[in-house]
C-alpha cells in the first residue's frame, strides 16, 4: 500500500471514529483532547517508516 493511500485511509478511519464518539456524546467534555491519540499514532507511523525503511 502506498504512503498516500495509507494516510487517506487512516484519516478517514480516525474521522469516522471521532464522529461516532461524538454522536454518542462521549467526547462532550474532552473534545479538545480527542485528537491527541490520533496525532501520536500518525507521527509514530511516520517515524517508523523513516526508521525501518527497506
Protein backbone atom coordinates (compact mmCIF):
# COMPACT_ATOMS: atom_id res chain seq x y z
CA UNK A 1 0.00 0.00 0.00
CA UNK A 2 1.39 3.37 -0.94
CA UNK A 3 2.01 6.01 1.69
CA UNK A 4 -0.56 8.45 0.32
CA UNK A 5 -3.27 5.76 0.25
CA UNK A 6 -2.44 4.70 3.80
CA UNK A 7 -2.60 8.31 5.01
CA UNK A 8 -6.01 8.86 3.41
CA UNK A 9 -7.41 5.62 4.85
CA UNK A 10 -6.05 6.49 8.30
CA UNK A 11 -7.56 9.97 8.20
CA UNK A 12 -10.95 8.61 7.10
CA UNK A 13 -10.98 5.96 9.84
CA UNK A 14 -9.90 8.43 12.52
CA UNK A 15 -12.56 10.90 11.43
CA UNK A 16 -15.23 8.20 11.44
CA UNK A 17 -14.20 7.17 14.95
CA UNK A 18 -14.38 10.76 16.21
CA UNK A 19 -17.78 11.32 14.60
CA UNK A 20 -19.09 8.09 16.13
CA UNK A 21 -17.84 9.02 19.60
CA UNK A 22 -19.29 12.49 19.20
CA UNK A 23 -22.71 11.13 18.22
CA UNK A 24 -22.85 9.09 21.42
CA UNK A 25 -21.85 12.16 23.46
CA UNK A 26 -18.65 10.52 24.72
CA UNK A 27 -16.44 13.44 23.68
CA UNK A 28 -18.65 16.16 25.09
CA UNK A 29 -16.27 17.37 27.82
CA UNK A 30 -12.95 16.29 26.32
CA UNK A 31 -13.30 17.14 22.63
CA UNK A 32 -10.11 19.22 22.69
CA UNK A 33 -8.05 16.19 23.75
CA UNK A 34 -9.62 13.69 21.35
CA UNK A 35 -7.18 14.39 18.53
CA UNK A 36 -4.04 13.81 20.65
CA UNK A 37 -4.01 9.95 20.45
CA UNK A 38 -4.66 10.12 16.72
CA UNK A 39 -1.76 12.53 16.18
CA UNK A 40 0.52 10.35 18.31
CA UNK A 41 -0.36 7.27 16.24
CA UNK A 42 0.15 9.17 13.00
CA UNK A 43 3.56 10.56 13.95
CA UNK A 44 4.71 7.19 15.31
CA UNK A 45 3.80 5.71 11.94
CA UNK A 46 5.79 8.40 10.16
CA UNK A 47 8.78 7.80 12.43
CA UNK A 48 8.67 4.03 11.99
CA UNK A 49 8.50 4.42 8.20
CA UNK A 50 11.66 6.53 8.21
CA UNK A 51 13.44 4.29 10.73
CA UNK A 52 12.61 0.89 9.21
CA UNK A 53 12.59 1.75 5.51
CA UNK A 54 13.65 -1.11 3.23
